[in-house]
C-alpha atoms as a PDB file:
ATOM      1  CA  MET A   1     -86.656  72.466 -34.871  1.00  0.00           C
ATOM      2  CA  ALA A   2     -88.022  69.976 -32.396  1.00  0.00           C
ATOM      3  CA  MET A   3     -86.347  67.142 -34.323  1.00  0.00           C
ATOM      4  CA  ASP A   4     -82.974  68.914 -34.070  1.00  0.00           C
ATOM      5  CA  ASN A   5     -83.361  69.218 -30.332  1.00  0.00           C
ATOM      6  CA  LYS A   6     -84.201  65.528 -30.030  1.00  0.00           C
ATOM      7  CA  PHE A   7     -81.198  64.557 -32.159  1.00  0.00           C
ATOM      8  CA  GLY A   8     -78.903  66.782 -30.111  1.00  0.00           C
ATOM      9  CA  LYS A   9     -80.155  65.271 -26.875  1.00  0.00           C
ATOM     10  CA  ALA A  10     -79.621  61.776 -28.282  1.00  0.00           C
ATOM     11  CA  MET A  11     -76.056  62.663 -29.305  1.00  0.00           C
ATOM     12  CA  LEU A  12     -75.320  64.107 -25.865  1.00  0.00           C
ATOM     13  CA  ALA A  13     -76.744  61.010 -24.186  1.00  0.00           C
ATOM     14  CA  GLY A  14     -74.645  58.681 -26.392  1.00  0.00           C
ATOM     15  CA  SER A  15     -71.437  60.683 -25.875  1.00  0.00           C
ATOM     16  CA  SER A  16     -71.927  60.751 -22.111  1.00  0.00           C
ATOM     17  CA  THR A  17     -72.451  56.979 -22.051  1.00  0.00           C
ATOM     18  CA  ARG A  18     -69.278  56.410 -24.152  1.00  0.00           C
ATOM     19  CA  GLN A  19     -67.251  58.673 -21.876  1.00  0.00           C
ATOM     20  CA  LYS A  20     -68.454  56.760 -18.855  1.00  0.00           C
ATOM     21  CA  ILE A  21     -67.402  53.452 -20.420  1.00  0.00           C
ATOM     22  CA  ILE A  22     -63.968  54.833 -21.398  1.00  0.00           C
ATOM     23  CA  ALA A  23     -63.468  56.230 -17.900  1.00  0.00           C
ATOM     24  CA  ALA A  24     -64.426  52.904 -16.315  1.00  0.00           C
ATOM     25  CA  ALA A  25     -62.011  51.009 -18.616  1.00  0.00           C
ATOM     26  CA  THR A  26     -59.218  53.470 -17.830  1.00  0.00           C
ATOM     27  CA  ILE A  27     -59.788  53.054 -14.096  1.00  0.00           C
ATOM     28  CA  ILE A  28     -59.700  49.252 -14.441  1.00  0.00           C
ATOM     29  CA  ILE A  29     -56.414  49.415 -16.406  1.00  0.00           C
ATOM     30  CA  PHE A  30     -54.825  51.628 -13.739  1.00  0.00           C
ATOM     31  CA  ILE A  31     -56.006  49.276 -11.005  1.00  0.00           C
ATOM     32  CA  VAL A  32     -54.469  46.276 -12.827  1.00  0.00           C
ATOM     33  CA  LEU A  33     -51.138  48.072 -13.322  1.00  0.00           C
ATOM     34  CA  ILE A  34     -50.992  49.114  -9.686  1.00  0.00           C
ATOM     35  CA  TRP A  35     -51.812  45.528  -8.642  1.00  0.00           C
ATOM     36  CA  GLN A  36     -48.967  44.152 -10.788  1.00  0.00           C
ATOM     37  CA  ILE A  37     -46.470  46.650  -9.388  1.00  0.00           C
ATOM     38  CA  ILE A  38     -47.487  45.826  -5.814  1.00  0.00           C
ATOM     39  CA  GLY A  39     -47.170  42.082  -6.559  1.00  0.00           C
ATOM     40  CA  MET A  40     -43.646  42.552  -7.946  1.00  0.00           C
ATOM     41  CA  PHE A  41     -42.442  44.372  -4.814  1.00  0.00           C
ATOM     42  CA  ARG A  42     -44.185  42.067  -2.369  1.00  0.00           C
ATOM     43  CA  GLY A  43     -43.059  38.826  -4.038  1.00  0.00           C
ATOM     44  CA  ASP A  44     -40.307  36.698  -2.297  1.00  0.00           C
ATOM     45  CA  GLY A  45     -38.283  36.277  -5.509  1.00  0.00           C
ATOM     46  CA  GLY A  46     -38.286  32.432  -5.210  1.00  0.00           C
ATOM     47  CA  GLY A  47     -40.867  31.856  -7.900  1.00  0.00           C
ATOM     48  CA  THR A  48     -42.646  33.583 -10.722  1.00  0.00           C
ATOM     49  CA  VAL A  49     -46.168  34.926 -10.873  1.00  0.00           C
ATOM     50  CA  SER A  50     -48.291  32.168 -12.284  1.00  0.00           C
ATOM     51  CA  SER A  51     -51.524  34.140 -12.626  1.00  0.00           C
ATOM     52  CA  SER A  52     -51.949  36.360 -15.618  1.00  0.00           C
ATOM     53  CA  ALA A  53     -53.391  39.855 -15.423  1.00  0.00           C
ATOM     54  CA  PRO A  54     -57.070  40.190 -16.271  1.00  0.00           C
ATOM     55  CA  ALA A  55     -57.709  41.408 -19.768  1.00  0.00           C
ATOM     56  CA  PRO A  56     -58.962  44.985 -19.994  1.00  0.00           C
ATOM     57  CA  ALA A  57     -62.528  45.476 -20.951  1.00  0.00           C
ATOM     58  CA  ALA A  58     -63.121  46.012 -24.616  1.00  0.00           C
ATOM     59  CA  GLN A  59     -64.060  49.487 -25.549  1.00  0.00           C
ATOM     60  CA  PRO A  60     -67.355  49.906 -27.290  1.00  0.00           C
ATOM     61  CA  GLY A  61     -67.190  50.205 -31.005  1.00  0.00           C
ATOM     62  CA  GLN A  62     -64.027  48.056 -31.298  1.00  0.00           C
ATOM     63  CA  MET A  63     -64.207  44.677 -32.927  1.00  0.00           C
ATOM     64  CA  SER A  64     -62.309  41.852 -31.215  1.00  0.00           C
ATOM     65  CA  ALA A  65     -60.369  39.756 -33.650  1.00  0.00           C
ATOM     66  CA  ALA A  66     -60.632  36.013 -33.226  1.00  0.00           C
ATOM     67  CA  GLY A  67     -57.828  33.664 -34.134  1.00  0.00           C
ATOM     68  CA  PRO A  68     -57.821  29.889 -34.440  1.00  0.00           C
ATOM     69  CA  THR A  69     -56.158  27.911 -31.676  1.00  0.00           C
ATOM     70  CA  ALA A  70     -54.426  24.558 -31.873  1.00  0.00           C
ATOM     71  CA  GLY A  71     -57.764  22.825 -31.294  1.00  0.00           C
ATOM     72  CA  GLY A  72     -59.554  24.852 -33.954  1.00  0.00           C
ATOM     73  CA  THR A  73     -61.567  26.946 -31.506  1.00  0.00           C
ATOM     74  CA  ALA A  74     -61.570  30.685 -31.665  1.00  0.00           C
ATOM     75  CA  VAL A  75     -59.745  32.641 -28.963  1.00  0.00           C
ATOM     76  CA  PRO A  76     -60.709  36.273 -28.355  1.00  0.00           C
ATOM     77  CA  GLY A  77     -58.148  38.657 -29.712  1.00  0.00           C
ATOM     78  CA  GLY A  78     -57.848  40.494 -26.410  1.00  0.00           C
ATOM     79  CA  ALA A  79     -56.555  37.362 -24.592  1.00  0.00           C
ATOM     80  CA  GLY A  80     -52.769  37.336 -24.095  1.00  0.00           C
ATOM     81  CA  PRO A  81     -50.388  34.340 -24.465  1.00  0.00           C
ATOM     82  CA  ALA A  82     -50.408  31.553 -21.865  1.00  0.00           C
ATOM     83  CA  PRO A  83     -48.235  32.313 -18.829  1.00  0.00           C
ATOM     84  CA  VAL A  84     -44.817  30.557 -18.737  1.00  0.00           C
ATOM     85  CA  VAL A  85     -44.020  28.773 -15.488  1.00  0.00           C
ATOM     86  CA  SER A  86     -40.271  28.343 -14.724  1.00  0.00           C
ATOM     87  CA  PRO A  87     -38.899  24.911 -13.638  1.00  0.00           C
ATOM     88  CA  ALA A  88     -37.835  26.395 -10.316  1.00  0.00           C
ATOM     89  CA  ALA A  89     -41.442  27.406  -9.582  1.00  0.00           C
ATOM     90  CA  ALA A  90     -42.710  23.925 -10.551  1.00  0.00           C
ATOM     91  CA  VAL A  91     -40.621  22.217  -7.827  1.00  0.00           C
ATOM     92  CA  PRO A  92     -41.600  22.920  -4.223  1.00  0.00           C
ATOM     93  CA  PRO A  93     -38.872  24.696  -2.254  1.00  0.00           C
ATOM     94  CA  GLY A  94     -38.722  21.869   0.309  1.00  0.00           C
ATOM     95  CA  GLN A  95     -37.748  19.312  -2.335  1.00  0.00           C
ATOM     96  CA  LEU A  96     -34.798  21.225  -3.826  1.00  0.00           C
ATOM     97  CA  VAL A  97     -31.439  19.459  -3.301  1.00  0.00           C
ATOM     98  CA  GLN A  98     -28.763  21.879  -2.136  1.00  0.00           C
ATOM     99  CA  ILE A  99     -25.169  20.847  -2.932  1.00  0.00           C
ATOM    100  CA  SER A 100     -22.659  22.131  -0.424  1.00  0.00           C
ATOM    101  CA  PRO A 101     -19.559  23.804  -1.907  1.00  0.00           C
ATOM    102  CA  LEU A 102     -17.402  21.802   0.537  1.00  0.00           C
ATOM    103  CA  ALA A 103     -18.652  18.400  -0.667  1.00  0.00           C
ATOM    104  CA  ARG A 104     -15.792  18.001  -3.160  1.00  0.00           C
ATOM    105  CA  SER A 105     -13.096  18.943  -0.630  1.00  0.00           C
ATOM    106  CA  ASP A 106     -14.600  16.530   1.912  1.00  0.00           C
ATOM    107  CA  ALA A 107     -14.426  13.732  -0.666  1.00  0.00           C
ATOM    108  CA  GLU A 108     -10.774  14.520  -1.359  1.00  0.00           C
ATOM    109  CA  ILE A 109      -9.985  14.502   2.364  1.00  0.00           C
ATOM    110  CA  LEU A 110     -11.737  11.155   2.765  1.00  0.00           C
ATOM    111  CA  LYS A 111      -9.787   9.724  -0.169  1.00  0.00           C
ATOM    112  CA  GLY A 112      -6.513  10.944   1.341  1.00  0.00           C
ATOM    113  CA  GLN A 113      -7.382   9.344   4.682  1.00  0.00           C
ATOM    114  CA  GLN A 114      -8.119   6.044   2.955  1.00  0.00           C
ATOM    115  CA  GLU A 115      -4.761   6.146   1.163  1.00  0.00           C
ATOM    116  CA  GLN A 116      -2.947   6.894   4.433  1.00  0.00           C
ATOM    117  CA  GLN A 117      -4.728   3.997   6.108  1.00  0.00           C
ATOM    118  CA  LYS A 118      -3.727   1.681   3.258  1.00  0.00           C
ATOM    119  CA  ASN A 119      -0.080   2.786   3.501  1.00  0.00           C
ATOM    120  CA  TYR A 120      -0.150   2.248   7.262  1.00  0.00           C
ATOM    121  CA  LEU A 121      -1.492  -1.290   6.844  1.00  0.00           C
ATOM    122  CA  ASP A 122       1.178  -2.072   4.220  1.00  0.00           C
ATOM    123  CA  SER A 123       3.923  -0.820   6.547  1.00  0.00           C
ATOM    124  CA  LEU A 124       2.494  -2.863   9.407  1.00  0.00           C
ATOM    125  CA  ASN A 125       2.454  -6.000   7.244  1.00  0.00           C
ATOM    126  CA  GLN A 126       6.077  -5.422   6.217  1.00  0.00           C
ATOM    127  CA  LEU A 127       7.076  -4.987   9.864  1.00  0.00           C
ATOM    128  CA  GLN A 128       5.363  -8.244  10.791  1.00  0.00           C
ATOM    129  CA  LEU A 129       7.126 -10.001   7.902  1.00  0.00           C
ATOM    130  CA  LEU A 130      10.510  -8.677   9.062  1.00  0.00           C
ATOM    131  CA  LYS A 131       9.830  -9.910  12.589  1.00  0.00           C
ATOM    132  CA  ILE A 132       8.946 -13.352  11.269  1.00  0.00           C
ATOM    133  CA  LYS A 133      12.141 -13.444   9.180  1.00  0.00           C
ATOM    134  CA  ARG A 134      14.198 -12.429  12.209  1.00  0.00           C
ATOM    135  CA  ASP A 135      12.619 -15.198  14.298  1.00  0.00           C
ATOM    136  CA  ILE A 136      13.353 -17.712  11.548  1.00  0.00           C
ATOM    137  CA  ALA A 137      16.982 -16.545  11.347  1.00  0.00           C
ATOM    138  CA  GLU A 138      17.403 -16.847  15.125  1.00  0.00           C
ATOM    139  CA  THR A 139      15.886 -20.324  15.047  1.00  0.00           C
ATOM    140  CA  ASN A 140      18.194 -21.393  12.217  1.00  0.00           C
ATOM    141  CA  GLN A 141      21.192 -20.032  14.111  1.00  0.00           C
ATOM    142  CA  ALA A 142      20.204 -21.980  17.214  1.00  0.00           C
ATOM    143  CA  ILE A 143      19.772 -25.141  15.142  1.00  0.00           C
ATOM    144  CA  ALA A 144      23.177 -24.589  13.527  1.00  0.00           C
ATOM    145  CA  ALA A 145      24.827 -24.143  16.934  1.00  0.00           C
ATOM    146  CA  ALA A 146      23.174 -27.327  18.191  1.00  0.00           C
ATOM    147  CA  ARG A 147      24.340 -29.252  15.135  1.00  0.00           C
ATOM    148  CA  LEU A 148      27.880 -27.963  15.580  1.00  0.00           C
ATOM    149  CA  ALA A 149      27.898 -28.959  19.241  1.00  0.00           C
ATOM    150  CA  THR A 150      26.638 -32.424  18.318  1.00  0.00           C
ATOM    151  CA  ALA A 151      29.231 -32.822  15.574  1.00  0.00           C
ATOM    152  CA  THR A 152      32.028 -31.630  17.882  1.00  0.00           C
ATOM    153  CA  ALA A 153      30.956 -34.038  20.603  1.00  0.00           C
ATOM    154  CA  ASP A 154      30.795 -36.934  18.146  1.00  0.00           C
ATOM    155  CA  LYS A 155      34.255 -36.123  16.797  1.00  0.00           C
ATOM    156  CA  SER A 156      35.728 -35.795  20.286  1.00  0.00           C
ATOM    157  CA  MET A 157      34.261 -39.144  21.239  1.00  0.00           C
ATOM    158  CA  SER A 158      35.592 -40.719  18.051  1.00  0.00           C
ATOM    159  CA  ASP A 159      39.077 -39.269  18.624  1.00  0.00           C
ATOM    160  CA  LEU A 160      39.031 -40.467  22.200  1.00  0.00           C
ATOM    161  CA  LEU A 161      38.130 -43.987  21.165  1.00  0.00           C
ATOM    162  CA  THR A 162      40.651 -44.168  18.334  1.00  0.00           C
ATOM    163  CA  GLN A 163      43.568 -42.405  20.088  1.00  0.00           C
ATOM    164  CA  PRO A 164      46.696 -44.647  20.072  1.00  0.00           C
ATOM    165  CA  THR A 165      48.329 -45.589  23.346  1.00  0.00           C
ATOM    166  CA  ALA A 166      51.598 -43.911  24.321  1.00  0.00           C
ATOM    167  CA  PRO A 167      54.693 -45.982  23.492  1.00  0.00           C
ATOM    168  CA  GLN A 168      56.425 -47.542  26.457  1.00  0.00           C
ATOM    169  CA  VAL A 169      60.014 -46.505  27.126  1.00  0.00           C
ATOM    170  CA  PRO A 170      62.156 -49.565  27.740  1.00  0.00           C
ATOM    171  CA  THR A 171      63.816 -49.742  31.090  1.00  0.00           C
ATOM    172  CA  GLY A 172      67.477 -48.713  31.017  1.00  0.00           C
ATOM    173  CA  ALA A 173      67.294 -46.470  27.948  1.00  0.00           C
ATOM    174  CA  TYR A 174      68.119 -43.377  29.918  1.00  0.00           C
ATOM    175  CA  ALA A 175      70.776 -45.242  31.882  1.00  0.00           C
ATOM    176  CA  ALA A 176      72.407 -46.381  28.663  1.00  0.00           C
ATOM    177  CA  ARG A 177      72.445 -42.796  27.361  1.00  0.00           C
ATOM    178  CA  LEU A 178      74.050 -41.594  30.568  1.00  0.00           C
ATOM    179  CA  ALA A 179      76.578 -44.377  30.417  1.00  0.00           C
ATOM    180  CA  GLY A 180      77.552 -43.474  26.854  1.00  0.00           C
ATOM    181  CA  THR A 181      78.099 -39.858  27.839  1.00  0.00           C
ATOM    182  CA  ALA A 182      80.202 -40.900  30.777  1.00  0.00           C
ATOM    183  CA  ILE A 183      82.659 -42.981  28.686  1.00  0.00           C
ATOM    184  CA  GLY A 184      83.364 -40.078  26.317  1.00  0.00           C
ATOM    185  CA  GLN A 185      80.799 -40.479  23.610  1.00  0.00           C
ATOM    186  CA  ILE A 186      79.373 -37.472  21.831  1.00  0.00           C
ATOM    187  CA  PRO A 187      76.569 -35.970  23.857  1.00  0.00           C
ATOM    188  CA  GLY A 188      73.204 -36.719  22.417  1.00  0.00           C
ATOM    189  CA  THR A 189      74.255 -40.010  20.823  1.00  0.00           C
ATOM    190  CA  LEU A 190      73.165 -43.414  21.968  1.00  0.00           C
ATOM    191  CA  PRO A 191      74.664 -46.810  21.613  1.00  0.00           C
ATOM    192  CA  GLU A 192      73.587 -48.983  18.756  1.00  0.00           C
ATOM    193  CA  GLY A 193      70.186 -50.508  19.347  1.00  0.00           C
ATOM    194  CA  ALA A 194      69.189 -47.848  21.850  1.00  0.00           C
ATOM    195  CA  MET A 195      67.631 -45.560  19.157  1.00  0.00           C
ATOM    196  CA  SER A 196      64.943 -48.089  18.401  1.00  0.00           C
ATOM    197  CA  GLN A 197      64.033 -48.189  22.036  1.00  0.00           C
ATOM    198  CA  LEU A 198      63.412 -44.413  22.324  1.00  0.00           C
ATOM    199  CA  PRO A 199      59.832 -43.076  21.969  1.00  0.00           C
ATOM    200  CA  ALA A 200      58.909 -41.624  18.590  1.00  0.00           C
ATOM    201  CA  LYS A 201      58.487 -37.866  18.108  1.00  0.00           C
ATOM    202  CA  PRO A 202      54.958 -36.591  18.688  1.00  0.00           C
ATOM    203  CA  ALA A 203      52.919 -36.210  15.524  1.00  0.00           C
ATOM    204  CA  PRO A 204      52.135 -32.647  14.365  1.00  0.00           C
ATOM    205  CA  PRO A 205      48.711 -31.301  15.362  1.00  0.00           C
ATOM    206  CA  PRO A 206      46.004 -32.390  12.952  1.00  0.00           C
ATOM    207  CA  GLU A 207      44.693 -29.898  10.446  1.00  0.00           C
ATOM    208  CA  PRO A 208      41.414 -28.268  11.363  1.00  0.00           C
ATOM    209  CA  SER A 209      38.493 -30.272  10.141  1.00  0.00           C
ATOM    210  CA  TYR A 210      35.249 -28.665   9.015  1.00  0.00           C
ATOM    211  CA  VAL A 211      31.668 -29.816   9.219  1.00  0.00           C
ATOM    212  CA  VAL A 212      28.778 -28.432   7.165  1.00  0.00           C
ATOM    213  CA  VAL A 213      26.134 -27.201   9.575  1.00  0.00           C
ATOM    214  CA  SER A 214      23.663 -25.783   7.039  1.00  0.00           C
ATOM    215  CA  VAL A 215      23.358 -24.629   3.439  1.00  0.00           C
ATOM    216  CA  SER A 216      20.982 -22.064   1.957  1.00  0.00           C
ATOM    217  CA  MET A 217      20.324 -20.131  -1.251  1.00  0.00           C
ATOM    218  CA  GLN A 218      19.754 -16.375  -1.190  1.00  0.00           C
ATOM    219  CA  PHE A 219      19.407 -14.243  -4.311  1.00  0.00           C
ATOM    220  CA  ASN A 220      20.340 -17.235  -6.526  1.00  0.00           C
ATOM    221  CA  ARG A 221      23.605 -17.732  -4.636  1.00  0.00           C
ATOM    222  CA  TRP A 222      24.503 -20.655  -2.388  1.00  0.00           C
ATOM    223  CA  SER A 223      26.000 -20.079   1.057  1.00  0.00           C
ATOM    224  CA  ALA A 224      26.932 -22.458   3.855  1.00  0.00           C
ATOM    225  CA  VAL A 225      27.720 -22.430   7.559  1.00  0.00           C
ATOM    226  CA  LEU A 226      30.868 -24.396   8.421  1.00  0.00           C
ATOM    227  CA  GLY A 227      31.869 -25.380  11.934  1.00  0.00           C
ATOM    228  CA  SER A 228      35.384 -25.981  13.208  1.00  0.00           C
ATOM    229  CA  GLN A 229      36.751 -26.157  16.754  1.00  0.00           C
ATOM    230  CA  GLY A 230      33.625 -24.636  18.248  1.00  0.00           C
ATOM    231  CA  LYS A 231      33.416 -21.734  15.779  1.00  0.00           C
ATOM    232  CA  LEU A 232      30.986 -21.034  12.949  1.00  0.00           C
ATOM    233  CA  TYR A 233      31.974 -19.652   9.542  1.00  0.00           C
ATOM    234  CA  ASN A 234      29.523 -18.327   6.976  1.00  0.00           C
ATOM    235  CA  VAL A 235      31.104 -18.950   3.560  1.00  0.00           C
ATOM    236  CA  SER A 236      30.197 -18.660  -0.110  1.00  0.00           C
ATOM    237  CA  THR A 237      31.762 -19.951  -3.309  1.00  0.00           C
ATOM    238  CA  GLY A 238      35.317 -18.622  -3.716  1.00  0.00           C
ATOM    239  CA  ASP A 239      35.945 -17.787  -0.032  1.00  0.00           C
ATOM    240  CA  HIS A 240      39.292 -18.684   1.603  1.00  0.00           C
ATOM    241  CA  LEU A 241      39.405 -20.416   4.972  1.00  0.00           C
ATOM    242  CA  ALA A 242      41.967 -20.018   7.755  1.00  0.00           C
ATOM    243  CA  ASP A 243      43.925 -23.152   6.790  1.00  0.00           C
ATOM    244  CA  GLY A 244      44.261 -22.038   3.167  1.00  0.00           C
ATOM    245  CA  SER A 245      41.345 -24.057   1.801  1.00  0.00           C
ATOM    246  CA  VAL A 246      39.178 -22.528  -0.914  1.00  0.00           C
ATOM    247  CA  VAL A 247      35.434 -23.087  -1.207  1.00  0.00           C
ATOM    248  CA  ARG A 248      34.907 -24.361  -4.743  1.00  0.00           C
ATOM    249  CA  SER A 249      31.228 -25.294  -4.785  1.00  0.00           C
ATOM    250  CA  ILE A 250      28.167 -25.410  -2.548  1.00  0.00           C
ATOM    251  CA  ASN A 251      24.932 -27.292  -3.094  1.00  0.00           C
ATOM    252  CA  ARG A 252      22.177 -28.809  -1.047  1.00  0.00           C
ATOM    253  CA  ASN A 253      24.259 -31.924  -0.328  1.00  0.00           C
ATOM    254  CA  GLY A 254      27.368 -30.238   1.061  1.00  0.00           C
ATOM    255  CA  VAL A 255      30.495 -28.171   0.364  1.00  0.00           C
ATOM    256  CA  THR A 256      33.554 -28.885  -1.788  1.00  0.00           C
ATOM    257  CA  LEU A 257      36.913 -27.529  -0.534  1.00  0.00           C
ATOM    258  CA  GLU A 258      40.236 -27.413  -2.372  1.00  0.00           C
ATOM    259  CA  LYS A 259      43.676 -27.178  -0.766  1.00  0.00           C
ATOM    260  CA  GLU A 260      47.023 -27.535  -2.546  1.00  0.00           C
ATOM    261  CA  GLY A 261      45.369 -29.116  -5.544  1.00  0.00           C
ATOM    262  CA  GLU A 262      43.440 -31.680  -3.498  1.00  0.00           C
ATOM    263  CA  THR A 263      39.652 -31.610  -3.461  1.00  0.00           C
ATOM    264  CA  LYS A 264      37.698 -32.588  -0.380  1.00  0.00           C
ATOM    265  CA  ARG A 265      33.969 -33.120  -0.224  1.00  0.00           C
ATOM    266  CA  ILE A 266      32.165 -32.374   3.076  1.00  0.00           C
ATOM    267  CA  SER A 267      28.600 -33.609   3.332  1.00  0.00           C
ATOM    268  CA  LEU A 268      25.819 -31.864   5.203  1.00  0.00           C
ATOM    269  CA  ILE A 269      25.168 -33.055   8.731  1.00  0.00           C
ATOM    270  CA  PRO A 270      21.794 -34.823   8.863  1.00  0.00           C
ATOM    271  CA  SER A 271      19.036 -33.126  10.835  1.00  0.00           C
ATOM    272  CA  ILE A 272      18.839 -33.720  14.533  1.00  0.00           C
END
């Protein structure tokens, strides 16, 4: 009977000890769960929890299974897998590169501004080129006018030097004509020998003469500037002039005119 009492007391002592251990383990598990929940609500959301929860205490009477690791060492069965750290948590927040959503639109605007600047520069260059061409044309026109004036002056001087003298009317020619009319001759007739003494009829005005002031080629077509009587004429092959002449050919040496089947070559005036 005494042995039964001792055995019963031993059983009660062992069961009370086991209940204490189970109660302590349960309290620890609840504390860990509450700690995890509080950490989830208090976290800033920028990273992940890198620390793993502590493993609950092993209950008495349970065997912990051991498994081999990659290095061959045994890991307690109660240990969980290694925590996974996200790439975002590995990089400090201060070193993250933030790409603005307006970066692409800013690049497109910059590209458009560069294209507009290029177009503006091209237009400015074309305007400068047109101004230079206009200055060249004005200079050529002034040179052509100067050449024409020089050619006209030379021709006037040549005509003045080569102009024939007026024929002299013999004395008594008019008296003889009056005498013939008085004696009943037909008016307007002269005695024999008096016709040779009268002045000859004035020659008809000379045909307009042309001088080649300048020649040029534009768009694979020759053109020339002709001068006559103080006027300038811009002509091309096939044009008709005021006196009926036709421009047959133009080259760098001069102009060829044709009138009534006759061909006339006019050379370019040498530079001043």
